[in-house]
Amino acid sequence: MSIKIIAEITTYPVGEGTSLSKFVKEAAKEIDIYKGIRVIHHPMGTVIEADSLDIVFDVTKRAHEAILKTGAQRIVTQLRIDDRRDKSRKMEDKVAAISNER
């Protein structure tokens, strides 16, 4: 069974004004070039699907550091991990599970 870990990453600078898209864009670019993961960006963060916790942590670190490279002095990064080991599933399976129950 191929285990997939689903994680949500939100990262942004603090104290850099009201529009943060130029900073968040750099983090998103870093996530997008990471090989071997699936990515869905949404208005409040990014969801990734990866084969291991090490990959999730590495992607998160790279996104965080991409914002540091823009010159930001303070960054908030939040990470939520769904590590289910009893069955293999994808991001879309979680959405389908609640959509089909209606």
C-alpha atoms as a PDB file:
ATOM      1  CA  MET A   1       0.000   0.000   0.000  1.00  0.00           C
ATOM      2  CA  SER A   2       1.303   3.425  -0.938  1.00  0.00           C
ATOM      3  CA  ILE A   3       0.915   5.730   2.052  1.00  0.00           C
ATOM      4  CA  LYS A   4       0.077   9.324   1.230  1.00  0.00           C
ATOM      5  CA  ILE A   5       0.342  12.064   3.783  1.00  0.00           C
ATOM      6  CA  ILE A   6      -1.879  15.066   3.217  1.00  0.00           C
ATOM      7  CA  ALA A   7      -0.711  18.353   4.694  1.00  0.00           C
ATOM      8  CA  GLU A   8      -1.808  21.965   4.595  1.00  0.00           C
ATOM      9  CA  ILE A   9       0.844  24.677   4.627  1.00  0.00           C
ATOM     10  CA  THR A  10       0.156  28.332   5.312  1.00  0.00           C
ATOM     11  CA  THR A  11       3.081  30.737   5.457  1.00  0.00           C
ATOM     12  CA  TYR A  12       3.249  34.514   5.338  1.00  0.00           C
ATOM     13  CA  PRO A  13       5.329  37.419   6.634  1.00  0.00           C
ATOM     14  CA  VAL A  14       4.230  39.660   9.483  1.00  0.00           C
ATOM     15  CA  GLY A  15       4.767  43.413   9.471  1.00  0.00           C
ATOM     16  CA  GLU A  16       5.181  43.735   5.714  1.00  0.00           C
ATOM     17  CA  GLY A  17       1.984  45.673   4.945  1.00  0.00           C
ATOM     18  CA  THR A  18      -1.487  44.619   3.910  1.00  0.00           C
ATOM     19  CA  SER A  19      -0.782  42.944   0.555  1.00  0.00           C
ATOM     20  CA  LEU A  20       1.316  39.841   1.059  1.00  0.00           C
ATOM     21  CA  SER A  21       0.894  38.184  -2.339  1.00  0.00           C
ATOM     22  CA  LYS A  22       4.427  38.971  -3.529  1.00  0.00           C
ATOM     23  CA  PHE A  23       5.829  37.089  -0.525  1.00  0.00           C
ATOM     24  CA  VAL A  24       3.379  34.187  -0.670  1.00  0.00           C
ATOM     25  CA  LYS A  25       4.020  33.844  -4.414  1.00  0.00           C
ATOM     26  CA  GLU A  26       7.671  33.046  -3.690  1.00  0.00           C
ATOM     27  CA  ALA A  27       6.667  30.323  -1.226  1.00  0.00           C
ATOM     28  CA  ALA A  28       4.197  28.891  -3.751  1.00  0.00           C
ATOM     29  CA  LYS A  29       6.902  28.804  -6.450  1.00  0.00           C
ATOM     30  CA  GLU A  30       9.143  26.814  -4.130  1.00  0.00           C
ATOM     31  CA  ILE A  31       6.355  24.330  -3.415  1.00  0.00           C
ATOM     32  CA  ASP A  32       5.488  24.019  -7.120  1.00  0.00           C
ATOM     33  CA  ILE A  33       9.030  23.056  -8.165  1.00  0.00           C
ATOM     34  CA  TYR A  34       9.352  20.339  -5.521  1.00  0.00           C
ATOM     35  CA  LYS A  35       9.424  16.960  -7.258  1.00  0.00           C
ATOM     36  CA  GLY A  36       7.254  14.024  -6.216  1.00  0.00           C
ATOM     37  CA  ILE A  37       4.356  15.821  -4.526  1.00  0.00           C
ATOM     38  CA  ARG A  38       0.866  16.799  -5.611  1.00  0.00           C
ATOM     39  CA  VAL A  39      -0.188  20.385  -4.898  1.00  0.00           C
ATOM     40  CA  ILE A  40      -3.456  22.289  -4.651  1.00  0.00           C
ATOM     41  CA  HIS A  41      -3.258  26.012  -3.860  1.00  0.00           C
ATOM     42  CA  HIS A  42      -6.372  27.553  -2.342  1.00  0.00           C
ATOM     43  CA  PRO A  43      -7.209  31.054  -1.076  1.00  0.00           C
ATOM     44  CA  MET A  44      -5.939  30.420   2.450  1.00  0.00           C
ATOM     45  CA  GLY A  45      -2.964  28.124   1.912  1.00  0.00           C
ATOM     46  CA  THR A  46      -1.654  25.100   0.036  1.00  0.00           C
ATOM     47  CA  VAL A  47      -2.476  21.420   0.386  1.00  0.00           C
ATOM     48  CA  ILE A  48       0.163  18.877  -0.562  1.00  0.00           C
ATOM     49  CA  GLU A  49       0.159  15.106  -0.877  1.00  0.00           C
ATOM     50  CA  ALA A  50       3.483  13.403  -0.185  1.00  0.00           C
ATOM     51  CA  ASP A  51       4.909   9.937   0.475  1.00  0.00           C
ATOM     52  CA  SER A  52       6.612  10.767   3.778  1.00  0.00           C
ATOM     53  CA  LEU A  53       6.772  13.166   6.696  1.00  0.00           C
ATOM     54  CA  ASP A  54      10.330  14.057   5.717  1.00  0.00           C
ATOM     55  CA  ILE A  55       9.059  15.374   2.394  1.00  0.00           C
ATOM     56  CA  VAL A  56       6.287  17.367   4.092  1.00  0.00           C
ATOM     57  CA  PHE A  57       8.775  18.955   6.482  1.00  0.00           C
ATOM     58  CA  ASP A  58      11.271  19.687   3.692  1.00  0.00           C
ATOM     59  CA  VAL A  59       8.650  21.341   1.470  1.00  0.00           C
ATOM     60  CA  THR A  60       7.416  23.422   4.412  1.00  0.00           C
ATOM     61  CA  LYS A  61      10.949  24.522   5.275  1.00  0.00           C
ATOM     62  CA  ARG A  62      11.655  25.527   1.675  1.00  0.00           C
ATOM     63  CA  ALA A  63       8.441  27.567   1.468  1.00  0.00           C
ATOM     64  CA  HIS A  64       9.273  29.284   4.771  1.00  0.00           C
ATOM     65  CA  GLU A  65      12.812  30.071   3.644  1.00  0.00           C
ATOM     66  CA  ALA A  66      11.583  31.412   0.284  1.00  0.00           C
ATOM     67  CA  ILE A  67       9.812  34.182   2.186  1.00  0.00           C
ATOM     68  CA  LEU A  68      12.956  34.858   4.225  1.00  0.00           C
ATOM     69  CA  LYS A  69      14.843  35.333   0.947  1.00  0.00           C
ATOM     70  CA  THR A  70      12.484  38.194   0.036  1.00  0.00           C
ATOM     71  CA  GLY A  71      13.825  40.133   3.007  1.00  0.00           C
ATOM     72  CA  ALA A  72      10.948  39.538   5.405  1.00  0.00           C
ATOM     73  CA  GLN A  73      12.091  39.687   9.025  1.00  0.00           C
ATOM     74  CA  ARG A  74       9.210  37.813  10.650  1.00  0.00           C
ATOM     75  CA  ILE A  75       7.259  34.846   9.245  1.00  0.00           C
ATOM     76  CA  VAL A  76       4.378  32.751  10.499  1.00  0.00           C
ATOM     77  CA  THR A  77       4.195  29.202   9.131  1.00  0.00           C
ATOM     78  CA  GLN A  78       1.403  26.810  10.034  1.00  0.00           C
ATOM     79  CA  LEU A  79       1.419  23.119   9.150  1.00  0.00           C
ATOM     80  CA  ARG A  80      -1.451  20.645   9.543  1.00  0.00           C
ATOM     81  CA  ILE A  81      -0.718  16.997   8.817  1.00  0.00           C
ATOM     82  CA  ASP A  82      -3.146  14.154   8.142  1.00  0.00           C
ATOM     83  CA  ASP A  83      -1.028  10.992   8.374  1.00  0.00           C
ATOM     84  CA  ARG A  84      -3.438   8.083   7.930  1.00  0.00           C
ATOM     85  CA  ARG A  85      -1.768   4.665   7.812  1.00  0.00           C
ATOM     86  CA  ASP A  86      -4.717   2.273   7.548  1.00  0.00           C
ATOM     87  CA  LYS A  87      -5.523   3.050   3.914  1.00  0.00           C
ATOM     88  CA  SER A  88      -4.108   4.831   0.922  1.00  0.00           C
ATOM     89  CA  ARG A  89      -6.029   7.863  -0.299  1.00  0.00           C
ATOM     90  CA  LYS A  90      -5.678  11.150  -2.132  1.00  0.00           C
ATOM     91  CA  MET A  91      -6.708  14.723  -1.368  1.00  0.00           C
ATOM     92  CA  GLU A  92      -9.778  14.362  -3.558  1.00  0.00           C
ATOM     93  CA  ASP A  93     -10.922  11.330  -1.537  1.00  0.00           C
ATOM     94  CA  LYS A  94     -11.344  13.510   1.540  1.00  0.00           C
ATOM     95  CA  VAL A  95     -13.522  15.979  -0.365  1.00  0.00           C
ATOM     96  CA  ALA A  96     -15.528  13.198  -1.984  1.00  0.00           C
ATOM     97  CA  ALA A  97     -16.188  11.609   1.412  1.00  0.00           C
ATOM     98  CA  ILE A  98     -18.120  14.634   2.609  1.00  0.00           C
ATOM     99  CA  SER A  99     -19.699  15.434  -0.745  1.00  0.00           C
ATOM    100  CA  ASN A 100     -21.160  11.948  -1.169  1.00  0.00           C
ATOM    101  CA  GLU A 101     -22.760  11.911   2.286  1.00  0.00           C
ATOM    102  CA  ARG A 102     -25.063  14.844   1.549  1.00  0.00           C
END
